[in-house]
Amino acid sequence: MVIYNVTIKIDRTVHEEWLAWMRSHHIPKVLATGIFYKCRISRLDDRDAESETYVVQYDAPGMESLNTYMARFAPALQQEHIQRYANRFVAIRTYLEVIEDLYPSTRSN
């Protein structure tokens, strides 16, 4: 599994509207590509007075799927985001290869 990780620092004056738009518009469009099977949104506790930082992670089955997304779908979706929030955000995109998922063991007493 590969996680497409997008860290977004968004201007505090628009972050609530941005988050609503991400939930109702952008993320559904990304998921509709059929590349990813899950998305999670997290807020980073960075204590910045001017912006909020969010981490949006999309789970893909592997690098080949992610490469397909980056080639076929990402440019248009990123452009739409840029046009809507120009000069009010910074985005950093990274990829994480999941090596192993570990879970607590069940204990019977």
N, C-alpha and C. Protein backbone atom coordinates (compact mmCIF):
# COMPACT_ATOMS: atom_id res chain seq x y z
N MET A 1 0.84 -1.18 0.00
CA MET A 1 0.00 0.00 0.00
C MET A 1 0.89 1.24 0.00
N VAL A 2 0.41 2.28 -0.64
CA VAL A 2 1.09 3.56 -0.70
C VAL A 2 0.11 4.63 -0.20
N ILE A 3 0.62 5.55 0.58
CA ILE A 3 -0.18 6.69 1.03
C ILE A 3 0.30 7.93 0.30
N TYR A 4 -0.64 8.59 -0.37
CA TYR A 4 -0.37 9.88 -0.99
C TYR A 4 -0.70 10.90 0.08
N ASN A 5 0.30 11.60 0.57
CA ASN A 5 0.20 12.49 1.71
C ASN A 5 0.31 13.94 1.24
N VAL A 6 -0.73 14.73 1.48
CA VAL A 6 -0.72 16.14 1.09
C VAL A 6 -0.85 16.98 2.36
N THR A 7 0.19 17.74 2.67
CA THR A 7 0.17 18.64 3.81
C THR A 7 -0.11 20.04 3.28
N ILE A 8 -1.16 20.66 3.81
CA ILE A 8 -1.61 21.95 3.30
C ILE A 8 -1.66 22.96 4.43
N LYS A 9 -0.94 24.03 4.24
CA LYS A 9 -0.97 25.16 5.17
C LYS A 9 -1.88 26.19 4.51
N ILE A 10 -3.04 26.43 5.12
CA ILE A 10 -4.07 27.28 4.52
C ILE A 10 -4.31 28.51 5.40
N ASP A 11 -4.47 29.64 4.77
CA ASP A 11 -4.73 30.91 5.46
C ASP A 11 -5.89 30.74 6.44
N ARG A 12 -5.68 31.18 7.65
CA ARG A 12 -6.69 31.04 8.70
C ARG A 12 -8.02 31.69 8.33
N THR A 13 -8.00 32.76 7.52
CA THR A 13 -9.24 33.46 7.17
C THR A 13 -10.15 32.65 6.26
N VAL A 14 -9.61 31.61 5.59
CA VAL A 14 -10.43 30.80 4.69
C VAL A 14 -10.43 29.31 5.04
N HIS A 15 -9.80 28.94 6.13
CA HIS A 15 -9.60 27.51 6.39
C HIS A 15 -10.91 26.76 6.61
N GLU A 16 -11.90 27.36 7.24
CA GLU A 16 -13.17 26.65 7.45
C GLU A 16 -13.90 26.44 6.13
N GLU A 17 -13.92 27.45 5.27
CA GLU A 17 -14.55 27.31 3.95
C GLU A 17 -13.78 26.31 3.11
N TRP A 18 -12.43 26.35 3.19
CA TRP A 18 -11.58 25.42 2.47
C TRP A 18 -11.88 23.98 2.89
N LEU A 19 -11.97 23.75 4.19
CA LEU A 19 -12.23 22.40 4.68
C LEU A 19 -13.59 21.90 4.21
N ALA A 20 -14.60 22.75 4.23
CA ALA A 20 -15.92 22.36 3.73
C ALA A 20 -15.85 22.03 2.24
N TRP A 21 -15.11 22.82 1.47
CA TRP A 21 -14.96 22.57 0.03
C TRP A 21 -14.20 21.27 -0.22
N MET A 22 -13.16 21.03 0.57
CA MET A 22 -12.41 19.78 0.44
C MET A 22 -13.33 18.59 0.68
N ARG A 23 -14.13 18.65 1.73
CA ARG A 23 -15.02 17.53 2.07
C ARG A 23 -16.13 17.32 1.05
N SER A 24 -16.69 18.40 0.55
CA SER A 24 -17.86 18.27 -0.32
C SER A 24 -17.51 18.20 -1.81
N HIS A 25 -16.34 18.68 -2.19
CA HIS A 25 -16.02 18.78 -3.61
C HIS A 25 -14.72 18.06 -3.99
N HIS A 26 -13.61 18.54 -3.47
CA HIS A 26 -12.31 18.06 -3.93
C HIS A 26 -12.07 16.58 -3.60
N ILE A 27 -12.19 16.21 -2.35
CA ILE A 27 -11.92 14.83 -1.96
C ILE A 27 -12.87 13.85 -2.66
N PRO A 28 -14.18 14.15 -2.76
CA PRO A 28 -15.04 13.23 -3.53
C PRO A 28 -14.58 13.07 -4.99
N LYS A 29 -14.07 14.15 -5.60
CA LYS A 29 -13.57 14.04 -6.97
C LYS A 29 -12.31 13.16 -7.03
N VAL A 30 -11.44 13.31 -6.07
CA VAL A 30 -10.23 12.48 -6.03
C VAL A 30 -10.62 11.01 -5.86
N LEU A 31 -11.52 10.73 -4.93
CA LEU A 31 -11.94 9.35 -4.68
C LEU A 31 -12.70 8.78 -5.88
N ALA A 32 -13.40 9.62 -6.62
CA ALA A 32 -14.16 9.16 -7.79
C ALA A 32 -13.24 8.70 -8.93
N THR A 33 -11.95 9.01 -8.86
CA THR A 33 -11.02 8.53 -9.89
C THR A 33 -10.88 7.01 -9.84
N GLY A 34 -11.24 6.41 -8.72
CA GLY A 34 -11.12 4.97 -8.57
C GLY A 34 -9.72 4.51 -8.18
N ILE A 35 -8.81 5.44 -7.98
CA ILE A 35 -7.42 5.10 -7.64
C ILE A 35 -7.29 4.78 -6.15
N PHE A 36 -7.94 5.56 -5.34
CA PHE A 36 -7.79 5.46 -3.88
C PHE A 36 -9.00 4.78 -3.26
N TYR A 37 -8.76 4.07 -2.20
CA TYR A 37 -9.88 3.40 -1.53
C TYR A 37 -10.20 4.01 -0.18
N LYS A 38 -9.46 5.03 0.22
CA LYS A 38 -9.72 5.67 1.51
C LYS A 38 -9.02 7.01 1.57
N CYS A 39 -9.60 7.92 2.34
CA CYS A 39 -8.98 9.22 2.58
C CYS A 39 -9.16 9.55 4.05
N ARG A 40 -8.16 10.20 4.62
CA ARG A 40 -8.30 10.69 5.99
C ARG A 40 -7.82 12.13 6.02
N ILE A 41 -8.47 12.94 6.86
CA ILE A 41 -8.10 14.34 7.04
C ILE A 41 -7.68 14.51 8.49
N SER A 42 -6.54 15.13 8.69
CA SER A 42 -6.05 15.41 10.04
C SER A 42 -5.65 16.88 10.10
N ARG A 43 -5.70 17.42 11.30
CA ARG A 43 -5.23 18.79 11.51
C ARG A 43 -3.96 18.72 12.33
N LEU A 44 -2.94 19.39 11.86
CA LEU A 44 -1.65 19.43 12.55
C LEU A 44 -1.70 20.53 13.60
N ASP A 45 -1.27 20.23 14.78
CA ASP A 45 -1.25 21.21 15.87
C ASP A 45 0.06 21.98 15.80
N ASP A 46 0.08 23.04 14.96
CA ASP A 46 1.32 23.78 14.79
C ASP A 46 1.32 25.16 15.41
N ARG A 47 0.19 25.58 15.97
CA ARG A 47 0.10 26.86 16.71
C ARG A 47 0.55 28.07 15.90
N ASP A 48 0.22 28.09 14.63
CA ASP A 48 0.55 29.22 13.77
C ASP A 48 -0.62 30.20 13.79
N ALA A 49 -0.37 31.45 14.06
CA ALA A 49 -1.43 32.44 14.18
C ALA A 49 -2.04 32.82 12.84
N GLU A 50 -1.32 32.62 11.75
CA GLU A 50 -1.79 33.08 10.44
C GLU A 50 -2.41 31.98 9.59
N SER A 51 -2.16 30.71 9.94
CA SER A 51 -2.65 29.63 9.10
C SER A 51 -3.00 28.40 9.94
N GLU A 52 -3.71 27.50 9.28
CA GLU A 52 -4.01 26.18 9.83
C GLU A 52 -3.31 25.17 8.92
N THR A 53 -2.85 24.09 9.49
CA THR A 53 -2.19 23.06 8.70
C THR A 53 -2.98 21.77 8.79
N TYR A 54 -3.30 21.23 7.62
CA TYR A 54 -4.04 19.97 7.52
C TYR A 54 -3.20 18.97 6.76
N VAL A 55 -3.43 17.71 7.06
CA VAL A 55 -2.80 16.61 6.35
C VAL A 55 -3.92 15.75 5.77
N VAL A 56 -3.91 15.60 4.46
CA VAL A 56 -4.91 14.78 3.77
C VAL A 56 -4.16 13.59 3.19
N GLN A 57 -4.60 12.39 3.57
CA GLN A 57 -3.91 11.17 3.14
C GLN A 57 -4.87 10.27 2.38
N TYR A 58 -4.41 9.84 1.23
CA TYR A 58 -5.19 8.95 0.36
C TYR A 58 -4.45 7.62 0.27
N ASP A 59 -5.16 6.52 0.51
CA ASP A 59 -4.56 5.19 0.43
C ASP A 59 -4.77 4.58 -0.95
N ALA A 60 -3.67 4.15 -1.55
CA ALA A 60 -3.70 3.49 -2.87
C ALA A 60 -3.08 2.10 -2.74
N PRO A 61 -3.47 1.18 -3.62
CA PRO A 61 -2.94 -0.17 -3.53
C PRO A 61 -1.43 -0.28 -3.79
N GLY A 62 -0.88 0.62 -4.60
CA GLY A 62 0.55 0.55 -4.88
C GLY A 62 1.01 1.73 -5.70
N MET A 63 2.30 1.77 -5.98
CA MET A 63 2.91 2.89 -6.69
C MET A 63 2.39 3.02 -8.12
N GLU A 64 2.10 1.92 -8.76
CA GLU A 64 1.57 1.97 -10.13
C GLU A 64 0.24 2.73 -10.17
N SER A 65 -0.62 2.46 -9.21
CA SER A 65 -1.90 3.18 -9.12
C SER A 65 -1.68 4.67 -8.88
N LEU A 66 -0.76 4.97 -7.97
CA LEU A 66 -0.47 6.37 -7.66
C LEU A 66 0.11 7.09 -8.88
N ASN A 67 0.99 6.43 -9.62
CA ASN A 67 1.54 7.02 -10.84
C ASN A 67 0.45 7.30 -11.86
N THR A 68 -0.53 6.41 -11.96
CA THR A 68 -1.67 6.63 -12.86
C THR A 68 -2.43 7.87 -12.43
N TYR A 69 -2.69 8.01 -11.14
CA TYR A 69 -3.39 9.19 -10.63
C TYR A 69 -2.60 10.47 -10.96
N MET A 70 -1.29 10.44 -10.69
CA MET A 70 -0.47 11.63 -10.91
C MET A 70 -0.45 12.04 -12.39
N ALA A 71 -0.47 11.07 -13.29
CA ALA A 71 -0.41 11.36 -14.73
C ALA A 71 -1.77 11.77 -15.30
N ARG A 72 -2.83 11.10 -14.89
CA ARG A 72 -4.13 11.28 -15.53
C ARG A 72 -5.06 12.27 -14.83
N PHE A 73 -4.97 12.37 -13.51
CA PHE A 73 -5.98 13.13 -12.78
C PHE A 73 -5.44 14.31 -11.96
N ALA A 74 -4.26 14.16 -11.39
CA ALA A 74 -3.74 15.18 -10.48
C ALA A 74 -3.60 16.57 -11.08
N PRO A 75 -3.09 16.71 -12.30
CA PRO A 75 -2.90 18.08 -12.81
C PRO A 75 -4.19 18.92 -12.82
N ALA A 76 -5.29 18.37 -13.29
CA ALA A 76 -6.55 19.14 -13.35
C ALA A 76 -7.09 19.41 -11.95
N LEU A 77 -7.03 18.42 -11.06
CA LEU A 77 -7.53 18.61 -9.70
C LEU A 77 -6.69 19.61 -8.93
N GLN A 78 -5.38 19.56 -9.11
CA GLN A 78 -4.51 20.53 -8.44
C GLN A 78 -4.74 21.93 -8.99
N GLN A 79 -4.95 22.04 -10.29
CA GLN A 79 -5.19 23.35 -10.89
C GLN A 79 -6.47 23.97 -10.36
N GLU A 80 -7.50 23.16 -10.20
CA GLU A 80 -8.76 23.66 -9.64
C GLU A 80 -8.55 24.20 -8.23
N HIS A 81 -7.76 23.51 -7.43
CA HIS A 81 -7.44 23.95 -6.07
C HIS A 81 -6.64 25.26 -6.10
N ILE A 82 -5.67 25.32 -6.99
CA ILE A 82 -4.85 26.53 -7.12
C ILE A 82 -5.70 27.73 -7.52
N GLN A 83 -6.58 27.55 -8.49
CA GLN A 83 -7.43 28.67 -8.93
C GLN A 83 -8.33 29.17 -7.82
N ARG A 84 -8.84 28.27 -7.01
CA ARG A 84 -9.77 28.66 -5.96
C ARG A 84 -9.07 29.31 -4.77
N TYR A 85 -7.86 28.85 -4.44
CA TYR A 85 -7.19 29.32 -3.22
C TYR A 85 -5.80 29.91 -3.50
N ALA A 86 -5.62 30.49 -4.65
CA ALA A 86 -4.32 31.08 -5.03
C ALA A 86 -3.81 32.03 -3.96
N ASN A 87 -2.54 31.92 -3.66
CA ASN A 87 -1.84 32.79 -2.70
C ASN A 87 -2.35 32.66 -1.26
N ARG A 88 -3.17 31.63 -0.99
CA ARG A 88 -3.67 31.45 0.38
C ARG A 88 -3.29 30.09 0.96
N PHE A 89 -2.45 29.34 0.26
CA PHE A 89 -2.04 28.04 0.76
C PHE A 89 -0.66 27.66 0.24
N VAL A 90 -0.07 26.71 0.94
CA VAL A 90 1.14 26.04 0.51
C VAL A 90 0.86 24.55 0.65
N ALA A 91 1.19 23.77 -0.37
CA ALA A 91 0.97 22.32 -0.32
C ALA A 91 2.29 21.59 -0.52
N ILE A 92 2.48 20.57 0.29
CA ILE A 92 3.65 19.70 0.17
C ILE A 92 3.11 18.28 -0.03
N ARG A 93 3.52 17.67 -1.12
CA ARG A 93 3.03 16.33 -1.47
C ARG A 93 4.16 15.31 -1.30
N THR A 94 3.87 14.25 -0.57
CA THR A 94 4.83 13.18 -0.36
C THR A 94 4.13 11.83 -0.53
N TYR A 95 4.92 10.79 -0.66
CA TYR A 95 4.41 9.44 -0.81
C TYR A 95 5.02 8.59 0.29
N LEU A 96 4.20 7.78 0.91
CA LEU A 96 4.69 6.89 1.96
C LEU A 96 4.40 5.45 1.57
N GLU A 97 5.41 4.64 1.58
CA GLU A 97 5.22 3.22 1.33
C GLU A 97 4.96 2.55 2.68
N VAL A 98 3.82 1.92 2.82
CA VAL A 98 3.50 1.24 4.07
C VAL A 98 4.29 -0.07 4.11
N ILE A 99 5.12 -0.21 5.09
CA ILE A 99 5.95 -1.40 5.26
C ILE A 99 5.16 -2.48 6.01
N GLU A 100 4.46 -2.04 7.04
CA GLU A 100 3.75 -3.02 7.87
C GLU A 100 2.72 -2.29 8.73
N ASP A 101 1.58 -2.93 8.91
CA ASP A 101 0.58 -2.45 9.86
C ASP A 101 0.69 -3.34 11.10
N LEU A 102 0.76 -2.73 12.24
CA LEU A 102 0.86 -3.48 13.50
C LEU A 102 -0.35 -3.14 14.36
N TYR A 103 -0.88 -4.13 15.01
CA TYR A 103 -2.08 -3.97 15.84
C TYR A 103 -1.80 -4.54 17.23
N PRO A 104 -2.50 -4.04 18.24
CA PRO A 104 -2.31 -4.62 19.57
C PRO A 104 -2.77 -6.07 19.57
N SER A 105 -2.06 -6.87 20.32
CA SER A 105 -2.47 -8.26 20.43
C SER A 105 -3.65 -8.35 21.39
N THR A 106 -4.51 -9.30 21.14
CA THR A 106 -5.63 -9.50 22.05
C THR A 106 -5.15 -10.38 23.19
N ARG A 107 -5.56 -10.01 24.36
CA ARG A 107 -5.13 -10.76 25.54
C ARG A 107 -6.34 -11.39 26.20
N SER A 108 -6.22 -12.62 26.52
CA SER A 108 -7.29 -13.28 27.27
C SER A 108 -6.81 -13.52 28.70
N ASN A 109 -7.59 -13.06 29.64
CA ASN A 109 -7.19 -13.18 31.06
C ASN A 109 -7.97 -14.26 31.75
